[in-house]
Amino acid sequence: MQPNFHTTNKKMNITRENIDALNAVVTVNIEKEDYSDKVTKILNDYKKTANIPGFRKGHVPLGLVKKQYGKAVLVDEVNKLLQESLNKYLVEEKLDILGNPLPRIQEEFDWNAETFSFEFELGLAPEFSVDLKGNEVTRYNIVADDKMIDGQIENIRKQYGKLISQDEVTEESEVTGIFSNEEKEIENNVTFSLDKVKGKKNLNKFVGAKVGDTITLNTKGLFNDDHDLMNFLQVSHDEVHDLDIEVSFKINEANKRELAALNQELFDKLFGEGNVSSLEEVKEKIKEDAERQFLQQSDQRLLNDVTEGLIENTKFDLPADFLIKWIQSAGEQELTPEQAEEEYTKSEKGLRYQLIQDKLVKENEVKVEFEDLKEFAKQMIKAQMAQFGQLNPSDQELEDIAARILSNQEEVRRLTDQLLSQKLLELFKEKANLTTKEVTYENFVKEVYGDSE
């Protein structure tokens, strides 16, 4: 803990007392000579324009103007001078503060005095060091294995295949119908393939049924994935896991999907004419596309894991009491001490990472220049246009759209945050203590999220 000491800025007549390493009190003294000329000038201007009954415009006595407007002008000018002086002091002293200065309430403040003294509490940012090597983090290299690639090819063949209408449901059918339950007000039209149905008992209720039939089913254990049940019945996530009711399902259609042939016609539909000419090339394209998407998930996980590790292992104290007091008064409505403490608890982790991030950015000279931001915006626009089939926009088009986006301050902030995260990710890949682990996507999901999607 630091000892108490004073620093004085005589030019502005400001002193600071450091209470400890995280808290200080700044005192701003304003003398009559600091504000009197300005107040007098404003009152003289009022004298020229004031409309007061019984006096011609421009001939109102200065004493009367002072009596009517003097206190308000004085208060306004002193407050302006106070804010200007305090802000300038904080910049010149290079004080790294958290939140904003909090004025100390003075019970018997006298605006009739000639000299005014104002006190502000400051919460000071802590001193600490960041060790990127201190915590080992797994960097996942997610590969698309044969099982996944074959599954993707199967899905493509289904998607581009033909539907053949059936009168009777088979195990290979896709059924369209209406789930109903009067008590839960369920009435939902859905289409699904029977490979989503869980267990032989449930499957046998569908198989052999005819179009137009209504079958009765129990929701518990009906589908392999509860999320399918949630979507098909349109019930909430919280409700679906314990849902155990009978529903009816009226079969309106049954179709068998004939798989599309793996031929040049299909390859051209998928990848453009002549770009792919064999099944091996199709598999390679699917692998490349999948692993490009997996890289985004792997990178996001790496960013999250390094971030969590830094928060956990970078130890420092915060001026908690000051921040709780600041949160109380910082919003549109003043909070109770209990509400402010609750808000502080919610935001503490984010504040800690913000301080760590700021230190990493400064120490490693991570910068987001305008040209970087413009190029980042152009690449984002290009990717979005490609999704809608516009594969070769001109550079002028990209420049014009980027200019419009970057004229919006909200968009600039959003893109700056995204680009900064990208630059920090590159820093982590270069300097953090990483161990690379190669996994399939299925195993990545199990290892990271504890379940399969």
Protein backbone atom coordinates (compact mmCIF):
# COMPACT_ATOMS: atom_id res chain seq x y z
CA MET A 1 0.00 0.00 0.00
CA GLN A 2 1.29 3.44 -0.93
CA PRO A 3 1.76 6.08 1.81
CA ASN A 4 -0.38 9.22 1.67
CA PHE A 5 1.23 12.03 -0.28
CA HIS A 6 0.23 15.23 -2.09
CA THR A 7 1.03 16.42 -5.58
CA THR A 8 0.24 19.98 -6.58
CA ASN A 9 -0.34 21.56 -9.99
CA LYS A 10 0.05 25.21 -9.13
CA LYS A 11 -1.03 26.49 -12.50
CA MET A 12 -4.49 25.07 -11.96
CA ASN A 13 -4.28 24.97 -8.16
CA ILE A 14 -5.08 21.25 -8.02
CA THR A 15 -3.75 18.80 -5.42
CA ARG A 16 -3.97 15.01 -5.26
CA GLU A 17 -3.78 12.78 -2.20
CA ASN A 18 -3.19 9.09 -2.90
CA ILE A 19 -5.17 7.19 -0.26
CA ASP A 20 -3.67 3.88 -1.41
CA ALA A 21 -2.54 2.25 -4.66
CA LEU A 22 -6.10 2.21 -6.05
CA ASN A 23 -7.79 5.30 -4.57
CA ALA A 24 -7.02 9.01 -4.59
CA VAL A 25 -8.74 12.32 -3.81
CA VAL A 26 -8.22 15.34 -6.06
CA THR A 27 -8.95 18.82 -4.72
CA VAL A 28 -9.61 21.64 -7.19
CA ASN A 29 -9.37 25.18 -5.77
CA ILE A 30 -10.90 27.97 -7.83
CA GLU A 31 -10.00 31.56 -6.92
CA LYS A 32 -12.01 34.67 -7.72
CA GLU A 33 -9.42 35.76 -10.28
CA ASP A 34 -10.06 32.50 -12.20
CA TYR A 35 -13.68 33.30 -12.98
CA SER A 36 -14.46 36.96 -12.21
CA ASP A 37 -13.55 38.44 -15.63
CA LYS A 38 -15.64 35.87 -17.46
CA VAL A 39 -18.65 36.35 -15.16
CA THR A 40 -18.42 40.15 -15.51
CA LYS A 41 -18.25 39.91 -19.32
CA ILE A 42 -21.32 37.66 -19.48
CA LEU A 43 -23.30 39.96 -17.14
CA ASN A 44 -22.36 42.99 -19.26
CA ASP A 45 -23.60 41.12 -22.34
CA TYR A 46 -26.85 40.37 -20.47
CA LYS A 47 -27.10 44.08 -19.59
CA LYS A 48 -27.15 44.94 -23.32
CA THR A 49 -29.90 42.47 -24.19
CA ALA A 50 -31.96 41.99 -20.99
CA ASN A 51 -35.69 42.76 -21.13
CA ILE A 52 -36.71 43.91 -17.65
CA PRO A 53 -40.00 45.82 -17.17
CA GLY A 54 -39.45 49.54 -16.44
CA PHE A 55 -36.13 49.77 -18.25
CA ARG A 56 -35.24 50.37 -21.86
CA LYS A 57 -33.28 47.59 -23.57
CA GLY A 58 -29.55 48.18 -22.98
CA HIS A 59 -30.18 50.55 -20.05
CA VAL A 60 -30.77 48.06 -17.25
CA PRO A 61 -28.49 48.84 -14.25
CA LEU A 62 -25.67 46.31 -13.88
CA GLY A 63 -26.54 45.85 -10.19
CA LEU A 64 -30.04 44.69 -11.13
CA VAL A 65 -28.63 42.27 -13.75
CA LYS A 66 -26.24 40.90 -11.13
CA LYS A 67 -29.08 40.45 -8.65
CA GLN A 68 -31.24 38.61 -11.16
CA TYR A 69 -28.65 36.57 -13.07
CA GLY A 70 -25.39 36.77 -11.08
CA LYS A 71 -25.69 33.53 -9.07
CA ALA A 72 -26.72 31.41 -12.08
CA VAL A 73 -23.89 32.81 -14.25
CA LEU A 74 -21.36 32.30 -11.44
CA VAL A 75 -22.42 28.70 -10.86
CA ASP A 76 -22.35 27.93 -14.59
CA GLU A 77 -18.91 29.45 -15.17
CA VAL A 78 -17.35 27.87 -12.08
CA ASN A 79 -18.67 24.45 -13.11
CA LYS A 80 -17.28 24.88 -16.65
CA LEU A 81 -13.91 25.94 -15.26
CA LEU A 82 -13.98 23.04 -12.80
CA GLN A 83 -14.60 20.43 -15.51
CA GLU A 84 -12.02 21.92 -17.87
CA SER A 85 -9.38 22.11 -15.14
CA LEU A 86 -10.03 18.59 -13.86
CA ASN A 87 -10.01 17.01 -17.33
CA LYS A 88 -6.81 18.85 -18.28
CA TYR A 89 -5.18 17.77 -15.02
CA LEU A 90 -6.02 14.10 -15.56
CA VAL A 91 -4.57 14.22 -19.08
CA GLU A 92 -1.40 16.10 -18.10
CA GLU A 93 -0.74 13.88 -15.08
CA LYS A 94 -1.38 10.78 -17.26
CA LEU A 95 -3.60 9.30 -14.58
CA ASP A 96 -5.09 5.95 -15.58
CA ILE A 97 -8.47 6.06 -13.86
CA LEU A 98 -11.45 3.72 -13.80
CA GLY A 99 -14.94 5.13 -14.23
CA ASN A 100 -15.22 8.91 -13.79
CA PRO A 101 -14.19 11.20 -10.92
CA LEU A 102 -16.86 11.20 -8.20
CA PRO A 103 -17.57 14.59 -6.56
CA ARG A 104 -17.64 14.53 -2.78
CA ILE A 105 -20.83 16.01 -1.40
CA GLN A 106 -20.26 19.15 0.69
CA GLU A 107 -23.16 19.76 3.05
CA GLU A 108 -22.63 23.49 3.65
CA PHE A 109 -21.28 24.71 0.33
CA ASP A 110 -21.30 28.51 0.11
CA TRP A 111 -21.70 30.04 -3.36
CA ASN A 112 -21.35 33.50 -1.80
CA ALA A 113 -17.69 32.85 -1.00
CA GLU A 114 -14.99 34.15 -3.34
CA THR A 115 -12.86 30.98 -3.30
CA PHE A 116 -14.31 27.54 -3.96
CA SER A 117 -12.86 24.15 -3.17
CA PHE A 118 -14.11 20.91 -4.77
CA GLU A 119 -13.06 17.34 -3.97
CA PHE A 120 -13.26 14.33 -6.27
CA GLU A 121 -12.65 10.68 -5.53
CA LEU A 122 -10.68 8.75 -8.14
CA GLY A 123 -10.46 5.00 -8.74
CA LEU A 124 -6.98 4.23 -10.08
CA ALA A 125 -6.20 1.40 -12.49
CA PRO A 126 -4.04 -1.29 -10.84
CA GLU A 127 -0.44 -2.07 -11.75
CA PHE A 128 0.05 -5.66 -12.95
CA SER A 129 1.89 -7.78 -15.52
CA VAL A 130 0.46 -10.18 -18.11
CA ASP A 131 2.15 -13.50 -18.81
CA LEU A 132 0.95 -15.07 -22.07
CA LYS A 133 3.17 -18.09 -21.47
CA GLY A 134 1.84 -18.80 -18.00
CA ASN A 135 -1.16 -20.93 -18.96
CA GLU A 136 -1.05 -23.82 -21.44
CA VAL A 137 -3.97 -23.72 -23.89
CA THR A 138 -5.06 -26.33 -26.43
CA ARG A 139 -5.25 -25.15 -30.01
CA TYR A 140 -7.59 -27.47 -31.90
CA ASN A 141 -6.82 -28.44 -35.48
CA ILE A 142 -10.23 -29.74 -36.62
CA VAL A 143 -10.13 -32.09 -39.59
CA ALA A 144 -12.97 -33.38 -41.75
CA ASP A 145 -12.72 -37.20 -41.59
CA ASP A 146 -14.08 -39.72 -44.12
CA LYS A 147 -17.22 -40.33 -42.03
CA MET A 148 -18.12 -36.66 -42.13
CA ILE A 149 -17.30 -36.22 -45.82
CA ASP A 150 -19.37 -39.29 -46.75
CA GLY A 151 -22.25 -37.93 -44.64
CA GLN A 152 -22.05 -34.61 -46.47
CA ILE A 153 -22.13 -36.39 -49.85
CA GLU A 154 -25.18 -38.38 -48.68
CA ASN A 155 -26.93 -35.14 -47.65
CA ILE A 156 -26.09 -33.53 -51.01
CA ARG A 157 -27.48 -36.51 -52.89
CA LYS A 158 -30.68 -36.31 -50.80
CA GLN A 159 -30.97 -32.57 -51.34
CA TYR A 160 -30.63 -32.86 -55.13
CA GLY A 161 -32.52 -36.14 -55.39
CA LYS A 162 -36.15 -36.74 -56.41
CA LEU A 163 -39.10 -37.19 -54.09
CA ILE A 164 -41.25 -40.20 -54.95
CA SER A 165 -44.73 -40.11 -53.47
CA GLN A 166 -45.79 -43.10 -51.33
CA ASP A 167 -49.19 -44.31 -50.13
CA GLU A 168 -47.65 -46.16 -47.21
CA VAL A 169 -44.82 -45.16 -44.85
CA THR A 170 -41.54 -47.12 -44.93
CA GLU A 171 -38.35 -46.79 -42.87
CA GLU A 172 -36.81 -44.68 -45.66
CA SER A 173 -39.76 -42.25 -45.80
CA GLU A 174 -39.94 -38.54 -45.20
CA VAL A 175 -43.31 -37.77 -43.65
CA THR A 176 -45.25 -34.52 -43.61
CA GLY A 177 -48.06 -34.07 -41.13
CA ILE A 178 -49.53 -32.26 -38.15
CA PHE A 179 -48.60 -32.82 -34.49
CA SER A 180 -51.54 -32.01 -32.17
CA ASN A 181 -52.26 -31.84 -28.45
CA GLU A 182 -55.29 -29.87 -27.33
CA GLU A 183 -54.22 -29.35 -23.69
CA LYS A 184 -50.80 -27.89 -24.63
CA GLU A 185 -52.32 -26.06 -27.64
CA ILE A 186 -49.96 -27.84 -30.02
CA GLU A 187 -50.94 -27.72 -33.70
CA ASN A 188 -47.84 -27.77 -35.86
CA ASN A 189 -47.19 -28.84 -39.45
CA VAL A 190 -43.77 -30.49 -39.94
CA THR A 191 -41.69 -32.60 -42.33
CA PHE A 192 -39.00 -35.01 -41.14
CA SER A 193 -37.23 -38.23 -42.14
CA LEU A 194 -37.80 -41.32 -39.99
CA ASP A 195 -34.10 -41.64 -39.16
CA LYS A 196 -34.78 -38.90 -36.57
CA VAL A 197 -37.23 -41.16 -34.69
CA LYS A 198 -35.76 -42.92 -31.62
CA GLY A 199 -36.22 -46.63 -31.01
CA LYS A 200 -37.98 -49.49 -32.82
CA LYS A 201 -41.20 -49.07 -30.81
CA ASN A 202 -41.74 -45.52 -32.06
CA LEU A 203 -40.53 -46.32 -35.58
CA ASN A 204 -43.00 -49.21 -35.89
CA LYS A 205 -45.91 -46.83 -35.26
CA PHE A 206 -44.98 -44.97 -38.45
CA VAL A 207 -43.94 -47.88 -40.66
CA GLY A 208 -46.95 -49.37 -42.43
CA ALA A 209 -49.23 -46.39 -41.69
CA LYS A 210 -50.99 -44.90 -44.68
CA VAL A 211 -51.35 -41.32 -45.88
CA GLY A 212 -54.41 -39.90 -44.08
CA ASP A 213 -53.89 -42.04 -40.95
CA THR A 214 -53.51 -40.50 -37.49
CA ILE A 215 -51.13 -42.18 -35.05
CA THR A 216 -50.72 -41.58 -31.31
CA LEU A 217 -47.23 -41.06 -29.88
CA ASN A 218 -45.62 -40.32 -26.52
CA THR A 219 -43.20 -37.37 -26.56
CA LYS A 220 -40.74 -38.86 -24.04
CA GLY A 221 -37.90 -40.41 -26.02
CA LEU A 222 -39.66 -39.84 -29.34
CA PHE A 223 -36.68 -38.33 -31.20
CA ASN A 224 -32.93 -38.90 -31.02
CA ASP A 225 -32.43 -35.18 -30.31
CA ASP A 226 -34.69 -33.23 -27.93
CA HIS A 227 -34.08 -30.13 -30.03
CA ASP A 228 -36.00 -31.80 -32.87
CA LEU A 229 -38.93 -32.35 -30.50
CA MET A 230 -38.72 -28.70 -29.43
CA ASN A 231 -38.83 -27.52 -33.05
CA PHE A 232 -41.48 -29.97 -34.26
CA LEU A 233 -43.87 -29.21 -31.38
CA GLN A 234 -42.90 -25.52 -31.00
CA VAL A 235 -42.37 -25.77 -27.23
CA SER A 236 -39.73 -23.97 -25.15
CA HIS A 237 -36.22 -25.26 -24.46
CA ASP A 238 -36.96 -25.48 -20.70
CA GLU A 239 -40.20 -27.38 -21.24
CA VAL A 240 -39.02 -29.93 -23.80
CA HIS A 241 -36.58 -31.95 -21.63
CA ASP A 242 -39.26 -33.13 -19.18
CA LEU A 243 -42.15 -33.21 -21.66
CA ASP A 244 -44.10 -36.47 -21.28
CA ILE A 245 -47.45 -36.20 -23.06
CA GLU A 246 -49.39 -37.97 -25.76
CA VAL A 247 -49.59 -36.26 -29.16
CA SER A 248 -51.39 -37.25 -32.31
CA PHE A 249 -49.71 -37.09 -35.72
CA LYS A 250 -51.84 -36.98 -38.87
CA ILE A 251 -49.85 -38.17 -41.89
CA ASN A 252 -50.57 -35.91 -44.85
CA GLU A 253 -47.69 -37.01 -47.10
CA ALA A 254 -45.15 -39.82 -47.32
CA ASN A 255 -42.26 -39.56 -49.74
CA LYS A 256 -39.18 -41.58 -50.54
CA ARG A 257 -36.18 -39.61 -51.64
CA GLU A 258 -34.30 -41.08 -54.56
CA LEU A 259 -30.65 -40.09 -54.24
CA ALA A 260 -29.13 -37.97 -57.00
CA ALA A 261 -26.55 -39.75 -59.14
CA LEU A 262 -22.91 -38.81 -58.59
CA ASN A 263 -22.30 -37.57 -62.11
CA GLN A 264 -20.97 -34.52 -63.94
CA GLU A 265 -24.41 -32.87 -63.95
CA LEU A 266 -24.46 -32.88 -60.14
CA PHE A 267 -20.82 -31.75 -59.90
CA ASP A 268 -21.57 -28.77 -62.17
CA LYS A 269 -24.60 -27.80 -60.05
CA LEU A 270 -22.49 -27.86 -56.92
CA PHE A 271 -19.25 -26.22 -58.03
CA GLY A 272 -19.88 -24.57 -61.40
CA GLU A 273 -19.45 -26.01 -64.84
CA GLY A 274 -16.24 -27.97 -65.38
CA ASN A 275 -14.64 -27.04 -62.04
CA VAL A 276 -14.87 -30.57 -60.62
CA SER A 277 -14.84 -33.79 -62.62
CA SER A 278 -14.53 -36.68 -60.17
CA LEU A 279 -15.82 -37.93 -56.81
CA GLU A 280 -12.29 -37.57 -55.36
CA GLU A 281 -12.28 -33.88 -56.30
CA VAL A 282 -15.75 -33.47 -54.76
CA LYS A 283 -14.49 -34.96 -51.51
CA GLU A 284 -11.46 -32.66 -51.54
CA LYS A 285 -13.70 -29.59 -52.08
CA ILE A 286 -16.02 -30.65 -49.24
CA LYS A 287 -12.98 -31.21 -46.99
CA GLU A 288 -11.54 -27.77 -47.80
CA ASP A 289 -14.86 -25.96 -47.24
CA ALA A 290 -15.55 -27.82 -43.99
CA GLU A 291 -12.09 -27.22 -42.56
CA ARG A 292 -12.29 -23.53 -43.47
CA GLN A 293 -15.45 -23.30 -41.35
CA PHE A 294 -13.88 -25.43 -38.61
CA LEU A 295 -10.96 -23.00 -38.45
CA GLN A 296 -13.35 -20.21 -37.48
CA GLN A 297 -14.75 -22.34 -34.64
CA SER A 298 -11.27 -23.41 -33.55
CA ASP A 299 -10.05 -19.79 -33.57
CA GLN A 300 -13.06 -18.63 -31.54
CA ARG A 301 -12.43 -21.38 -29.02
CA LEU A 302 -8.75 -20.45 -28.79
CA LEU A 303 -9.66 -16.79 -28.25
CA ASN A 304 -12.13 -17.76 -25.50
CA ASP A 305 -9.72 -20.17 -23.78
CA VAL A 306 -6.77 -17.76 -23.77
CA THR A 307 -9.05 -14.99 -22.54
CA GLU A 308 -10.43 -17.13 -19.69
CA GLY A 309 -6.90 -18.23 -18.76
CA LEU A 310 -5.65 -14.63 -18.63
CA ILE A 311 -8.56 -13.54 -16.43
CA GLU A 312 -8.01 -16.51 -14.12
CA ASN A 313 -4.22 -16.19 -13.82
CA THR A 314 -3.62 -12.42 -13.96
CA LYS A 315 -4.05 -11.36 -10.36
CA PHE A 316 -4.71 -7.76 -9.32
CA ASP A 317 -7.01 -5.81 -7.01
CA LEU A 318 -9.63 -3.32 -8.15
CA PRO A 319 -11.00 -0.23 -6.33
CA ALA A 320 -14.25 -2.13 -5.75
CA ASP A 321 -15.83 0.28 -3.22
CA PHE A 322 -15.19 3.25 -5.53
CA LEU A 323 -16.55 1.41 -8.60
CA ILE A 324 -19.72 0.40 -6.75
CA LYS A 325 -20.29 4.03 -5.75
CA TRP A 326 -19.63 5.13 -9.34
CA ILE A 327 -22.04 2.54 -10.78
CA GLN A 328 -24.70 3.84 -8.39
CA SER A 329 -24.76 7.23 -10.05
CA ALA A 330 -23.49 6.49 -13.57
CA GLY A 331 -26.78 5.45 -15.17
CA GLU A 332 -29.94 7.35 -16.01
CA GLN A 333 -31.49 6.27 -12.70
CA GLU A 334 -29.58 6.12 -9.43
CA LEU A 335 -29.25 2.60 -8.06
CA THR A 336 -29.37 1.43 -4.46
CA PRO A 337 -26.03 0.28 -2.96
CA GLU A 338 -27.28 -3.33 -3.24
CA GLN A 339 -28.20 -2.93 -6.92
CA ALA A 340 -24.85 -1.26 -7.67
CA GLU A 341 -22.95 -4.08 -5.94
CA GLU A 342 -24.89 -6.63 -7.99
CA GLU A 343 -24.05 -4.76 -11.22
CA TYR A 344 -20.39 -4.58 -10.21
CA THR A 345 -20.30 -8.33 -9.58
CA LYS A 346 -21.77 -8.95 -13.05
CA SER A 347 -19.32 -6.62 -14.79
CA GLU A 348 -16.13 -7.33 -12.81
CA LYS A 349 -14.91 -10.12 -15.09
CA GLY A 350 -15.42 -7.97 -18.21
CA LEU A 351 -13.59 -5.04 -16.57
CA ARG A 352 -10.67 -7.27 -15.62
CA TYR A 353 -10.32 -8.51 -19.20
CA GLN A 354 -10.62 -4.97 -20.58
CA LEU A 355 -7.66 -3.92 -18.42
CA ILE A 356 -5.67 -7.00 -19.47
CA GLN A 357 -6.53 -6.39 -23.14
CA ASP A 358 -5.52 -2.73 -22.92
CA LYS A 359 -2.17 -3.74 -21.45
CA LEU A 360 -1.58 -6.38 -24.15
CA VAL A 361 -2.48 -3.88 -26.87
CA LYS A 362 -0.10 -1.27 -25.46
CA GLU A 363 2.84 -3.59 -24.71
CA ASN A 364 2.64 -5.37 -28.06
CA GLU A 365 1.85 -2.22 -30.08
CA VAL A 366 -1.35 -3.74 -31.48
CA LYS A 367 -2.94 -1.01 -33.60
CA VAL A 368 -6.12 -0.68 -35.64
CA GLU A 369 -5.27 1.84 -38.36
CA PHE A 370 -7.98 3.33 -40.59
CA GLU A 371 -6.56 1.63 -43.70
CA ASP A 372 -6.66 -1.72 -41.88
CA LEU A 373 -10.25 -1.06 -40.90
CA LYS A 374 -11.24 -0.13 -44.46
CA GLU A 375 -9.62 -3.28 -45.89
CA PHE A 376 -11.30 -5.39 -43.18
CA ALA A 377 -14.68 -3.85 -44.09
CA LYS A 378 -14.09 -4.51 -47.80
CA GLN A 379 -13.28 -8.18 -47.18
CA MET A 380 -16.39 -8.55 -45.03
CA ILE A 381 -18.54 -6.92 -47.76
CA LYS A 382 -16.97 -9.16 -50.42
CA ALA A 383 -17.78 -12.29 -48.40
CA GLN A 384 -21.38 -11.16 -47.88
CA MET A 385 -21.83 -10.38 -51.58
CA ALA A 386 -20.47 -13.83 -52.49
CA GLN A 387 -23.26 -15.40 -50.42
CA PHE A 388 -25.75 -13.77 -52.79
CA GLY A 389 -23.92 -14.88 -55.93
CA GLN A 390 -21.98 -11.64 -56.56
CA LEU A 391 -18.55 -13.22 -56.85
CA ASN A 392 -16.52 -10.48 -58.56
CA PRO A 393 -17.49 -7.00 -57.32
CA SER A 394 -15.30 -4.18 -58.60
CA ASP A 395 -12.90 -2.47 -56.22
CA GLN A 396 -14.85 0.76 -56.71
CA GLU A 397 -18.06 -0.96 -55.55
CA LEU A 398 -16.28 -2.23 -52.44
CA GLU A 399 -14.76 1.21 -51.79
CA ASP A 400 -18.16 2.93 -52.04
CA ILE A 401 -19.94 0.45 -49.74
CA ALA A 402 -17.07 0.53 -47.23
CA ALA A 403 -17.17 4.35 -47.21
CA ARG A 404 -20.89 4.29 -46.38
CA ILE A 405 -20.38 1.76 -43.58
CA LEU A 406 -17.43 3.64 -42.09
CA SER A 407 -19.44 6.88 -41.99
CA ASN A 408 -21.57 5.26 -39.25
CA GLN A 409 -19.85 5.54 -35.85
CA GLU A 410 -21.67 2.49 -34.46
CA GLU A 411 -20.43 0.38 -37.37
CA VAL A 412 -16.91 1.75 -36.94
CA ARG A 413 -16.93 0.71 -33.27
CA ARG A 414 -18.31 -2.74 -34.10
CA LEU A 415 -15.77 -3.39 -36.87
CA THR A 416 -12.92 -2.01 -34.75
CA ASP A 417 -13.78 -4.48 -31.97
CA GLN A 418 -13.88 -7.35 -34.50
CA LEU A 419 -10.56 -6.38 -36.07
CA LEU A 420 -8.94 -5.91 -32.67
CA SER A 421 -10.09 -9.41 -31.68
CA GLN A 422 -8.57 -10.74 -34.89
CA LYS A 423 -5.26 -9.00 -34.18
CA LEU A 424 -5.24 -10.31 -30.60
CA LEU A 425 -5.93 -13.82 -31.93
CA GLU A 426 -2.85 -13.49 -34.15
CA LEU A 427 -0.86 -12.31 -31.10
CA PHE A 428 -2.05 -15.31 -29.07
CA LYS A 429 -1.11 -17.72 -31.86
CA GLU A 430 2.36 -16.19 -31.95
CA LYS A 431 3.11 -15.73 -28.24
CA ALA A 432 0.76 -17.79 -26.06
CA ASN A 433 1.67 -21.20 -24.63
CA LEU A 434 -0.24 -23.38 -27.12
CA THR A 435 -0.40 -27.14 -27.64
CA THR A 436 -1.89 -28.23 -30.97
CA LYS A 437 -4.32 -31.14 -30.94
CA GLU A 438 -5.77 -32.67 -34.11
CA VAL A 439 -9.40 -33.82 -33.74
CA THR A 440 -12.42 -34.62 -35.87
CA TYR A 441 -15.31 -32.19 -35.61
CA GLU A 442 -17.37 -34.79 -33.73
CA ASN A 443 -14.63 -35.23 -31.12
CA PHE A 444 -14.06 -31.46 -30.93
CA VAL A 445 -17.71 -30.94 -30.01
CA LYS A 446 -17.62 -33.75 -27.44
CA GLU A 447 -14.38 -32.53 -25.86
CA VAL A 448 -15.22 -28.83 -25.80
CA TYR A 449 -18.97 -28.87 -25.16
CA GLY A 450 -19.35 -32.28 -23.55
CA ASP A 451 -21.93 -33.42 -26.09
CA SER A 452 -22.48 -33.99 -29.79
CA GLU A 453 -24.48 -31.56 -31.88
